[in-house]
Amino acid sequence: MELCDANFPDSLLHSWAWMIDQADDREIVEYAKRSLLNALGSTQQVESFMHKFRQLGGATKADI
């Protein structure tokens, strides 16, 4: 499920997105947010990616 043109594997981007939505540990969520921001380059790109990720139902174990 390709959601953007970042130079990172889709599975890594999906893992970070999953962490943002599902992790119980605040530090993990913050790490995932920083990682996506670094990968995508802007808060707007992260928000767009997360919106698409959520619209498509998030990640399955097969995606990660």
N, C-alpha and C. Protein backbone atom coordinates (compact mmCIF):
# COMPACT_ATOMS: atom_id res chain seq x y z
N MET A 1 0.86 -1.17 0.00
CA MET A 1 0.00 0.00 0.00
C MET A 1 0.90 1.23 0.00
N GLU A 2 1.22 1.74 -1.16
CA GLU A 2 2.08 2.92 -1.26
C GLU A 2 1.24 4.18 -1.07
N LEU A 3 1.62 5.00 -0.09
CA LEU A 3 0.84 6.20 0.24
C LEU A 3 1.60 7.49 -0.02
N CYS A 4 2.88 7.39 -0.37
CA CYS A 4 3.67 8.60 -0.62
C CYS A 4 4.91 8.24 -1.42
N ASP A 5 5.70 9.24 -1.75
CA ASP A 5 6.90 9.05 -2.55
C ASP A 5 8.19 9.12 -1.73
N ALA A 6 8.12 8.86 -0.45
CA ALA A 6 9.31 8.95 0.41
C ALA A 6 10.33 7.88 0.01
N ASN A 7 11.59 8.16 0.27
CA ASN A 7 12.67 7.22 -0.03
C ASN A 7 12.90 6.24 1.12
N PHE A 8 11.83 5.76 1.70
CA PHE A 8 11.88 4.79 2.78
C PHE A 8 10.97 3.63 2.40
N PRO A 9 11.26 2.43 2.86
CA PRO A 9 10.38 1.30 2.55
C PRO A 9 8.96 1.56 3.09
N ASP A 10 7.97 1.18 2.30
CA ASP A 10 6.58 1.34 2.73
C ASP A 10 6.34 0.68 4.07
N SER A 11 6.94 -0.49 4.28
CA SER A 11 6.71 -1.21 5.53
C SER A 11 7.20 -0.42 6.74
N LEU A 12 8.27 0.34 6.58
CA LEU A 12 8.79 1.16 7.68
C LEU A 12 7.84 2.33 7.95
N LEU A 13 7.39 3.00 6.90
CA LEU A 13 6.44 4.10 7.06
C LEU A 13 5.15 3.61 7.70
N HIS A 14 4.67 2.45 7.26
CA HIS A 14 3.43 1.89 7.82
C HIS A 14 3.62 1.51 9.29
N SER A 15 4.81 1.02 9.62
CA SER A 15 5.09 0.67 11.02
C SER A 15 5.03 1.90 11.92
N TRP A 16 5.64 2.99 11.46
CA TRP A 16 5.59 4.23 12.24
C TRP A 16 4.16 4.74 12.37
N ALA A 17 3.40 4.67 11.28
CA ALA A 17 2.00 5.12 11.33
C ALA A 17 1.21 4.26 12.30
N TRP A 18 1.44 2.95 12.25
CA TRP A 18 0.75 2.05 13.17
C TRP A 18 1.10 2.41 14.62
N MET A 19 2.38 2.69 14.88
CA MET A 19 2.81 3.07 16.24
C MET A 19 2.08 4.32 16.71
N ILE A 20 1.92 5.29 15.82
CA ILE A 20 1.23 6.52 16.19
C ILE A 20 -0.20 6.22 16.61
N ASP A 21 -0.86 5.35 15.88
CA ASP A 21 -2.27 5.05 16.17
C ASP A 21 -2.48 4.03 17.27
N GLN A 22 -1.53 3.11 17.47
CA GLN A 22 -1.80 1.97 18.34
C GLN A 22 -0.93 1.86 19.59
N ALA A 23 0.22 2.48 19.61
CA ALA A 23 1.12 2.30 20.75
C ALA A 23 0.56 2.93 22.02
N ASP A 24 0.75 2.23 23.12
CA ASP A 24 0.31 2.73 24.43
C ASP A 24 1.37 3.60 25.09
N ASP A 25 2.60 3.45 24.68
CA ASP A 25 3.72 4.16 25.28
C ASP A 25 3.93 5.49 24.55
N ARG A 26 3.84 6.58 25.29
CA ARG A 26 3.97 7.93 24.74
C ARG A 26 5.31 8.13 24.03
N GLU A 27 6.37 7.57 24.58
CA GLU A 27 7.69 7.70 23.96
C GLU A 27 7.73 7.05 22.58
N ILE A 28 7.06 5.92 22.44
CA ILE A 28 7.01 5.24 21.15
C ILE A 28 6.24 6.09 20.13
N VAL A 29 5.13 6.66 20.57
CA VAL A 29 4.33 7.51 19.69
C VAL A 29 5.15 8.72 19.24
N GLU A 30 5.85 9.35 20.16
CA GLU A 30 6.67 10.52 19.81
C GLU A 30 7.82 10.13 18.87
N TYR A 31 8.43 8.98 19.12
CA TYR A 31 9.49 8.49 18.24
C TYR A 31 8.94 8.30 16.82
N ALA A 32 7.79 7.67 16.71
CA ALA A 32 7.19 7.41 15.40
C ALA A 32 6.83 8.72 14.68
N LYS A 33 6.33 9.69 15.43
CA LYS A 33 6.00 10.99 14.83
C LYS A 33 7.26 11.67 14.30
N ARG A 34 8.32 11.67 15.09
CA ARG A 34 9.58 12.27 14.64
C ARG A 34 10.13 11.55 13.42
N SER A 35 10.04 10.24 13.44
CA SER A 35 10.55 9.44 12.33
C SER A 35 9.79 9.73 11.04
N LEU A 36 8.47 9.80 11.12
CA LEU A 36 7.67 10.14 9.93
C LEU A 36 7.97 11.55 9.45
N LEU A 37 8.12 12.47 10.38
CA LEU A 37 8.43 13.85 10.01
C LEU A 37 9.78 13.91 9.29
N ASN A 38 10.77 13.21 9.80
CA ASN A 38 12.08 13.18 9.15
C ASN A 38 12.01 12.53 7.78
N ALA A 39 11.20 11.50 7.65
CA ALA A 39 11.08 10.77 6.38
C ALA A 39 10.30 11.57 5.33
N LEU A 40 9.25 12.24 5.77
CA LEU A 40 8.35 12.91 4.82
C LEU A 40 8.66 14.38 4.64
N GLY A 41 9.34 15.00 5.59
CA GLY A 41 9.83 16.35 5.41
C GLY A 41 8.99 17.49 5.93
N SER A 42 7.71 17.27 6.20
CA SER A 42 6.89 18.36 6.72
C SER A 42 5.70 17.81 7.50
N THR A 43 5.20 18.62 8.40
CA THR A 43 4.03 18.23 9.18
C THR A 43 2.83 18.00 8.25
N GLN A 44 2.70 18.81 7.23
CA GLN A 44 1.61 18.66 6.28
C GLN A 44 1.67 17.30 5.57
N GLN A 45 2.88 16.88 5.20
CA GLN A 45 3.03 15.57 4.54
C GLN A 45 2.70 14.44 5.51
N VAL A 46 3.09 14.58 6.77
CA VAL A 46 2.77 13.56 7.77
C VAL A 46 1.27 13.47 7.95
N GLU A 47 0.61 14.62 8.08
CA GLU A 47 -0.85 14.62 8.25
C GLU A 47 -1.54 14.00 7.05
N SER A 48 -1.07 14.30 5.85
CA SER A 48 -1.65 13.73 4.63
C SER A 48 -1.44 12.21 4.61
N PHE A 49 -0.22 11.78 4.94
CA PHE A 49 0.08 10.35 4.97
C PHE A 49 -0.81 9.63 5.98
N MET A 50 -0.93 10.19 7.19
CA MET A 50 -1.73 9.55 8.23
C MET A 50 -3.20 9.51 7.83
N HIS A 51 -3.68 10.55 7.18
CA HIS A 51 -5.07 10.57 6.72
C HIS A 51 -5.31 9.43 5.73
N LYS A 52 -4.42 9.29 4.75
CA LYS A 52 -4.55 8.21 3.76
C LYS A 52 -4.42 6.84 4.43
N PHE A 53 -3.47 6.72 5.35
CA PHE A 53 -3.25 5.47 6.08
C PHE A 53 -4.52 5.05 6.81
N ARG A 54 -5.14 5.99 7.48
CA ARG A 54 -6.36 5.70 8.25
C ARG A 54 -7.54 5.41 7.33
N GLN A 55 -7.63 6.13 6.22
CA GLN A 55 -8.72 5.89 5.27
C GLN A 55 -8.67 4.47 4.71
N LEU A 56 -7.47 3.98 4.52
CA LEU A 56 -7.30 2.64 3.96
C LEU A 56 -7.33 1.55 5.03
N GLY A 57 -7.63 1.93 6.24
CA GLY A 57 -7.79 0.95 7.31
C GLY A 57 -6.55 0.65 8.12
N GLY A 58 -5.50 1.46 7.96
CA GLY A 58 -4.28 1.23 8.73
C GLY A 58 -3.49 0.06 8.19
N ALA A 59 -2.56 -0.40 8.97
CA ALA A 59 -1.67 -1.48 8.54
C ALA A 59 -2.15 -2.81 9.10
N THR A 60 -1.95 -3.83 8.32
CA THR A 60 -2.16 -5.19 8.80
C THR A 60 -0.80 -5.76 9.14
N LYS A 61 -0.77 -6.89 9.79
CA LYS A 61 0.51 -7.51 10.11
C LYS A 61 1.29 -7.83 8.83
N ALA A 62 0.58 -8.14 7.75
CA ALA A 62 1.25 -8.45 6.48
C ALA A 62 1.95 -7.21 5.92
N ASP A 63 1.40 -6.02 6.16
CA ASP A 63 2.01 -4.79 5.69
C ASP A 63 3.27 -4.46 6.48
N ILE A 64 3.27 -4.81 7.74
CA ILE A 64 4.40 -4.50 8.62
C ILE A 64 5.32 -5.67 8.63
